[in-house]
Amino acid sequence: MPTTERRYVIRLACPDRTGIVATIASFLAELGGSIVEAAYHTDRETNWFFTRQEVLADSLTFGVDELRARFGAVATRLSAQSDWAVIDTGVPRRVVILVSKEGHCLYDLLGRVHSGELDVDVRAVVGNHADLAPITRAHGIPFHHVPFPVDTEGKAAAFAQLRQLVDAAAPDAVVLARFMQVLPPEVCAAWAGRALNIHHSFLPSFIGARPYHQAHRRGVKLIGATCHYVTAELDAGPIVEQDVIRVDHRDPVAAMVRKGRDIEKVVLARGLRAHLEGRILVHGNKTVVL
């Protein structure tokens, strides 16, 4: 979180109508809540309203559970379709990281956690290869190796074991840090809105495998990375964060891969931070980042 002050983050999305801002402001004022950050957006095409607000925890005379109960009643009165959440920044957010063999994204995330830049509780790292077990355990984090056989039955059993390990940690985010397995639809549904993937391409271009090779063949001048939520449709989930870096005709594929890895690390860290801070509101296949 961006501050050491304990705050309650209130997030709401609902059909737009007159009086939503006034209703929320009056609700918090009556409680004595001190609003220190507020953002609003209305999507005129869908007529949906989005807001994210931060309230100083010590400005209220009760805790987060009661705030959730009271705000839930307000959100329901505003609309039966309301999608809302209240996050307590005083409670470290839980994360599970999924990996394969490439370690650059994992190294970056563990470094940010170790330095205190990313205040999260990494409950475990799970890999379908064991290559990244030493670096994970060096940071005092459990590593679980779940091999993925090529046969359908064996792969289904591996995904069942993976899901059991992840769900046991009750994570706020499941980070696919270059995890090179496609999650089956039932796992995507179970982790909807929590599973974040880093795709080594500026989506929607060059989906699927070997995007840098695809980009090199097209002679692109910009390559990028995309952090998105995982859905059953491959590389097509709501986009959370993106960035690009310039390349030219002199860059071989290896140079593009090297430059791309730098962007991947930054984009994944930004996307994860925004998710954990409750800044991302999803509507359909689009995101509003407040």
Protein backbone atom coordinates (compact mmCIF):
# COMPACT_ATOMS: atom_id res chain seq x y z
CA MET A 1 0.00 0.00 0.00
CA PRO A 2 1.22 3.54 -0.69
CA THR A 3 1.12 4.72 2.94
CA THR A 4 1.86 3.42 6.44
CA GLU A 5 -1.41 4.91 7.70
CA ARG A 6 -4.08 2.30 8.15
CA ARG A 7 -6.91 2.95 5.74
CA TYR A 8 -10.13 1.34 4.62
CA VAL A 9 -10.51 1.22 0.85
CA ILE A 10 -14.11 1.32 -0.35
CA ARG A 11 -14.73 0.20 -3.91
CA LEU A 12 -18.08 0.27 -5.72
CA ALA A 13 -19.43 -0.32 -9.22
CA CYS A 14 -23.14 -0.05 -10.02
CA PRO A 15 -25.57 1.33 -12.60
CA ASP A 16 -25.23 5.10 -12.71
CA ARG A 17 -27.89 7.40 -11.33
CA THR A 18 -28.10 10.78 -9.68
CA GLY A 19 -27.07 10.95 -6.03
CA ILE A 20 -24.55 8.13 -5.68
CA VAL A 21 -21.65 10.40 -4.71
CA ALA A 22 -23.83 12.34 -2.27
CA THR A 23 -25.12 9.12 -0.71
CA ILE A 24 -21.63 7.75 -0.09
CA ALA A 25 -20.30 11.11 1.14
CA SER A 26 -23.21 11.51 3.56
CA PHE A 27 -22.80 7.94 4.79
CA LEU A 28 -19.12 8.47 5.62
CA ALA A 29 -19.70 11.94 7.07
CA GLU A 30 -22.30 10.60 9.47
CA LEU A 31 -19.75 8.03 10.66
CA GLY A 32 -17.07 10.69 11.10
CA GLY A 33 -14.98 9.08 8.38
CA SER A 34 -12.08 11.12 7.03
CA ILE A 35 -11.79 10.62 3.23
CA VAL A 36 -8.15 11.02 2.15
CA GLU A 37 -8.45 9.80 -1.45
CA ALA A 38 -11.43 9.56 -3.80
CA ALA A 39 -11.84 8.79 -7.49
CA TYR A 40 -14.92 8.47 -9.69
CA HIS A 41 -15.73 7.43 -13.23
CA THR A 42 -18.89 6.95 -15.25
CA ASP A 43 -18.83 4.85 -18.41
CA ARG A 44 -21.32 6.68 -20.62
CA GLU A 45 -21.59 3.77 -23.05
CA THR A 46 -22.74 1.26 -20.43
CA ASN A 47 -24.12 3.79 -17.93
CA TRP A 48 -22.10 2.29 -15.09
CA PHE A 49 -20.59 4.23 -12.22
CA PHE A 50 -17.29 3.39 -10.51
CA THR A 51 -15.67 4.78 -7.39
CA ARG A 52 -12.77 4.03 -5.08
CA GLN A 53 -12.31 5.88 -1.78
CA GLU A 54 -9.84 5.67 1.08
CA VAL A 55 -10.89 6.45 4.63
CA LEU A 56 -8.56 6.80 7.62
CA ALA A 57 -9.20 3.80 9.84
CA ASP A 58 -8.69 5.73 13.06
CA SER A 59 -11.35 8.26 12.06
CA LEU A 60 -14.00 5.59 12.69
CA THR A 61 -15.05 4.26 16.07
CA PHE A 62 -15.45 0.67 14.85
CA GLY A 63 -13.57 -1.86 12.76
CA VAL A 64 -13.61 -3.03 9.18
CA ASP A 65 -16.20 -5.79 9.68
CA GLU A 66 -18.82 -3.33 10.86
CA LEU A 67 -17.90 -0.92 8.06
CA ARG A 68 -18.44 -3.73 5.55
CA ALA A 69 -21.84 -4.50 7.04
CA ARG A 70 -22.94 -0.88 7.02
CA PHE A 71 -21.59 -0.07 3.57
CA GLY A 72 -23.05 -3.27 2.16
CA ALA A 73 -26.49 -2.05 3.13
CA VAL A 74 -25.82 1.28 1.40
CA ALA A 75 -24.53 -0.43 -1.75
CA THR A 76 -27.62 -2.65 -1.91
CA ARG A 77 -29.89 0.37 -1.57
CA LEU A 78 -28.07 2.06 -4.44
CA SER A 79 -28.58 -0.99 -6.67
CA ALA A 80 -29.19 -4.71 -6.37
CA GLN A 81 -26.48 -5.03 -9.04
CA SER A 82 -23.82 -3.30 -6.95
CA ASP A 83 -20.35 -4.85 -6.95
CA TRP A 84 -18.48 -3.60 -3.91
CA ALA A 85 -15.65 -4.38 -1.51
CA VAL A 86 -13.99 -2.90 1.58
CA ILE A 87 -10.25 -3.55 1.99
CA ASP A 88 -8.27 -3.05 5.20
CA THR A 89 -4.73 -1.85 4.39
CA GLY A 90 -3.63 -2.91 7.87
CA VAL A 91 -3.94 -6.57 6.88
CA PRO A 92 -1.19 -7.75 4.48
CA ARG A 93 -2.67 -9.11 1.27
CA ARG A 94 -1.99 -12.78 0.56
CA VAL A 95 -0.38 -13.85 -2.71
CA VAL A 96 0.49 -17.18 -4.33
CA ILE A 97 2.89 -17.13 -7.28
CA LEU A 98 2.86 -19.73 -10.06
CA VAL A 99 6.04 -20.28 -12.08
CA SER A 100 7.66 -22.57 -14.63
CA LYS A 101 11.36 -22.20 -15.55
CA GLU A 102 11.87 -18.52 -16.40
CA GLY A 103 12.64 -16.64 -13.20
CA HIS A 104 12.90 -12.96 -14.07
CA CYS A 105 9.40 -12.04 -12.90
CA LEU A 106 9.71 -14.11 -9.72
CA TYR A 107 13.12 -12.60 -8.90
CA ASP A 108 11.68 -9.13 -9.34
CA LEU A 109 8.63 -9.74 -7.16
CA LEU A 110 10.63 -11.41 -4.39
CA GLY A 111 13.10 -8.52 -4.46
CA ARG A 112 10.29 -5.98 -4.11
CA VAL A 113 8.79 -7.95 -1.22
CA HIS A 114 12.16 -8.35 0.51
CA SER A 115 12.91 -4.61 0.25
CA GLY A 116 9.49 -3.68 1.61
CA GLU A 117 8.47 -1.99 -1.62
CA LEU A 118 5.65 -4.49 -2.05
CA ASP A 119 3.94 -5.13 1.28
CA VAL A 120 2.40 -8.54 0.67
CA ASP A 121 2.36 -11.95 2.30
CA VAL A 122 3.65 -14.43 -0.28
CA ARG A 123 2.14 -17.61 1.04
CA ALA A 124 3.77 -19.96 -1.46
CA VAL A 125 5.34 -20.37 -4.87
CA VAL A 126 4.12 -23.30 -6.95
CA GLY A 127 6.02 -24.49 -10.01
CA ASN A 128 5.48 -27.13 -12.64
CA HIS A 129 9.30 -27.34 -12.71
CA ALA A 130 11.61 -27.23 -9.69
CA ASP A 131 14.15 -24.80 -11.16
CA LEU A 132 13.03 -21.85 -9.02
CA ALA A 133 12.80 -23.73 -5.72
CA PRO A 134 16.22 -22.56 -4.40
CA ILE A 135 15.59 -18.81 -4.86
CA THR A 136 12.11 -19.17 -3.38
CA ARG A 137 13.31 -21.01 -0.28
CA ALA A 138 16.20 -18.57 0.11
CA HIS A 139 13.51 -15.95 0.75
CA GLY A 140 11.90 -18.17 3.39
CA ILE A 141 8.87 -18.95 1.23
CA PRO A 142 7.51 -22.49 0.72
CA PHE A 143 7.95 -23.93 -2.77
CA HIS A 144 5.71 -26.69 -4.09
CA HIS A 145 6.64 -28.69 -7.16
CA VAL A 146 3.66 -29.97 -9.17
CA PRO A 147 4.80 -31.78 -12.35
CA PHE A 148 2.42 -31.60 -15.31
CA PRO A 149 2.35 -34.78 -17.41
CA VAL A 150 1.48 -34.44 -21.08
CA ASP A 151 -1.45 -36.89 -20.95
CA THR A 152 -4.90 -35.44 -20.32
CA GLU A 153 -5.68 -37.47 -17.21
CA GLY A 154 -2.32 -36.68 -15.61
CA LYS A 155 -2.70 -32.99 -16.39
CA ALA A 156 -6.16 -32.89 -14.83
CA ALA A 157 -4.76 -34.45 -11.64
CA ALA A 158 -1.93 -31.90 -11.62
CA PHE A 159 -4.36 -29.01 -11.90
CA ALA A 160 -6.43 -30.47 -9.05
CA GLN A 161 -3.31 -30.59 -6.87
CA LEU A 162 -2.34 -27.06 -7.92
CA ARG A 163 -5.76 -25.72 -7.09
CA GLN A 164 -5.75 -27.43 -3.69
CA LEU A 165 -2.38 -25.87 -2.82
CA VAL A 166 -3.47 -22.40 -3.94
CA ASP A 167 -6.90 -22.47 -2.36
CA ALA A 168 -5.43 -23.57 0.98
CA ALA A 169 -3.64 -20.21 1.14
CA ALA A 170 -6.87 -18.25 0.48
CA PRO A 171 -4.94 -15.73 -1.64
CA ASP A 172 -6.11 -12.28 -2.62
CA ALA A 173 -4.07 -12.70 -5.82
CA VAL A 174 -2.78 -15.66 -7.81
CA VAL A 175 0.12 -14.42 -9.93
CA LEU A 176 1.09 -16.32 -13.06
CA ALA A 177 4.73 -15.19 -13.25
CA ARG A 178 5.50 -16.78 -16.63
CA PHE A 179 3.62 -19.94 -15.65
CA MET A 180 3.55 -21.85 -18.91
CA GLN A 181 0.38 -23.84 -18.43
CA VAL A 182 -3.08 -22.85 -19.66
CA LEU A 183 -5.54 -22.86 -16.77
CA PRO A 184 -8.67 -24.95 -17.45
CA PRO A 185 -12.04 -23.16 -17.46
CA GLU A 186 -13.09 -24.42 -14.03
CA VAL A 187 -9.90 -23.04 -12.44
CA CYS A 188 -10.32 -19.74 -14.27
CA ALA A 189 -13.84 -19.50 -12.86
CA ALA A 190 -12.70 -20.33 -9.32
CA TRP A 191 -9.99 -17.66 -9.43
CA ALA A 192 -11.93 -15.08 -11.45
CA GLY A 193 -10.86 -11.55 -10.60
CA ARG A 194 -7.85 -12.84 -8.61
CA ALA A 195 -5.63 -14.58 -11.17
CA LEU A 196 -3.20 -12.18 -12.86
CA ASN A 197 -1.09 -13.17 -15.84
CA ILE A 198 1.86 -11.42 -17.46
CA HIS A 199 1.80 -11.88 -21.21
CA HIS A 200 5.01 -11.10 -23.07
CA SER A 201 3.24 -9.13 -25.76
CA PHE A 202 1.24 -5.95 -26.12
CA LEU A 203 -2.16 -7.65 -26.31
CA PRO A 204 -4.32 -8.10 -28.29
CA SER A 205 -1.42 -8.49 -30.74
CA PHE A 206 0.61 -11.71 -30.85
CA ILE A 207 -1.41 -13.88 -28.52
CA GLY A 208 -0.31 -17.40 -27.61
CA ALA A 209 3.23 -18.78 -27.66
CA ARG A 210 6.50 -17.16 -28.84
CA PRO A 211 5.14 -13.61 -29.26
CA TYR A 212 8.62 -12.08 -29.62
CA HIS A 213 9.28 -14.37 -32.55
CA GLN A 214 5.94 -13.33 -34.04
CA ALA A 215 6.80 -9.67 -33.51
CA HIS A 216 10.26 -10.10 -35.02
CA ARG A 217 8.80 -11.61 -38.18
CA ARG A 218 6.47 -8.62 -38.49
CA GLY A 219 9.26 -6.10 -38.06
CA VAL A 220 7.53 -4.23 -35.25
CA LYS A 221 9.08 -1.05 -33.81
CA LEU A 222 7.54 -1.37 -30.36
CA ILE A 223 7.25 -4.46 -28.16
CA GLY A 224 5.44 -4.58 -24.89
CA ALA A 225 3.92 -6.58 -22.08
CA THR A 226 0.39 -6.91 -20.76
CA CYS A 227 -0.82 -7.79 -17.28
CA HIS A 228 -4.38 -9.10 -17.46
CA TYR A 229 -6.88 -11.13 -15.51
CA VAL A 230 -7.04 -14.77 -16.52
CA THR A 231 -10.20 -16.02 -18.23
CA ALA A 232 -11.10 -19.19 -20.08
CA GLU A 233 -10.39 -17.44 -23.39
CA LEU A 234 -6.61 -17.52 -23.87
CA ASP A 235 -4.89 -14.14 -23.39
CA ALA A 236 -8.21 -12.31 -23.70
CA GLY A 237 -9.02 -11.35 -20.09
CA PRO A 238 -9.56 -7.78 -18.86
CA ILE A 239 -6.35 -5.76 -19.22
CA VAL A 240 -4.87 -4.33 -16.02
CA GLU A 241 -1.55 -2.75 -17.06
CA GLN A 242 0.60 -2.39 -20.19
CA ASP A 243 3.87 -0.81 -21.30
CA VAL A 244 6.15 -0.80 -24.32
CA ILE A 245 9.80 -0.42 -25.28
CA ARG A 246 11.25 0.56 -28.65
CA VAL A 247 13.11 -1.93 -30.85
CA ASP A 248 14.38 -1.73 -34.43
CA HIS A 249 15.48 -3.85 -37.37
CA ARG A 250 18.94 -4.42 -35.85
CA ASP A 251 17.53 -6.27 -32.85
CA PRO A 252 17.63 -10.06 -33.15
CA VAL A 253 15.00 -12.10 -31.35
CA ALA A 254 17.34 -12.59 -28.36
CA ALA A 255 17.64 -8.81 -27.89
CA MET A 256 13.88 -8.39 -28.14
CA VAL A 257 13.41 -11.10 -25.52
CA ARG A 258 15.92 -9.39 -23.20
CA LYS A 259 14.24 -5.99 -23.56
CA GLY A 260 10.83 -7.57 -23.23
CA ARG A 261 11.73 -9.21 -19.94
CA ASP A 262 12.49 -5.79 -18.45
CA ILE A 263 9.02 -4.57 -19.42
CA GLU A 264 7.36 -7.76 -18.20
CA LYS A 265 8.77 -7.32 -14.69
CA VAL A 266 7.64 -3.72 -14.38
CA VAL A 267 4.19 -4.30 -15.84
CA LEU A 268 3.50 -7.32 -13.62
CA ALA A 269 4.58 -5.46 -10.48
CA ARG A 270 2.40 -2.46 -11.38
CA GLY A 271 -0.57 -4.65 -12.15
CA LEU A 272 -0.24 -6.64 -8.94
CA ARG A 273 0.08 -3.48 -6.86
CA ALA A 274 -3.01 -1.93 -8.46
CA HIS A 275 -4.99 -5.12 -7.85
CA LEU A 276 -3.96 -5.42 -4.21
CA GLU A 277 -4.70 -1.76 -3.56
CA GLY A 278 -8.23 -2.29 -4.83
CA ARG A 279 -7.74 0.11 -7.74
CA ILE A 280 -9.14 -2.17 -10.43
CA LEU A 281 -12.85 -2.46 -11.07
CA VAL A 282 -13.90 -4.93 -13.76
CA HIS A 283 -16.99 -4.50 -15.88
CA GLY A 284 -17.49 -7.03 -18.63
CA ASN A 285 -14.12 -7.50 -20.29
CA LYS A 286 -12.88 -3.99 -19.46
CA THR A 287 -11.23 -2.53 -16.42
CA VAL A 288 -11.44 0.85 -14.74
CA VAL A 289 -8.27 1.62 -12.79
CA LEU A 290 -8.81 4.32 -10.16
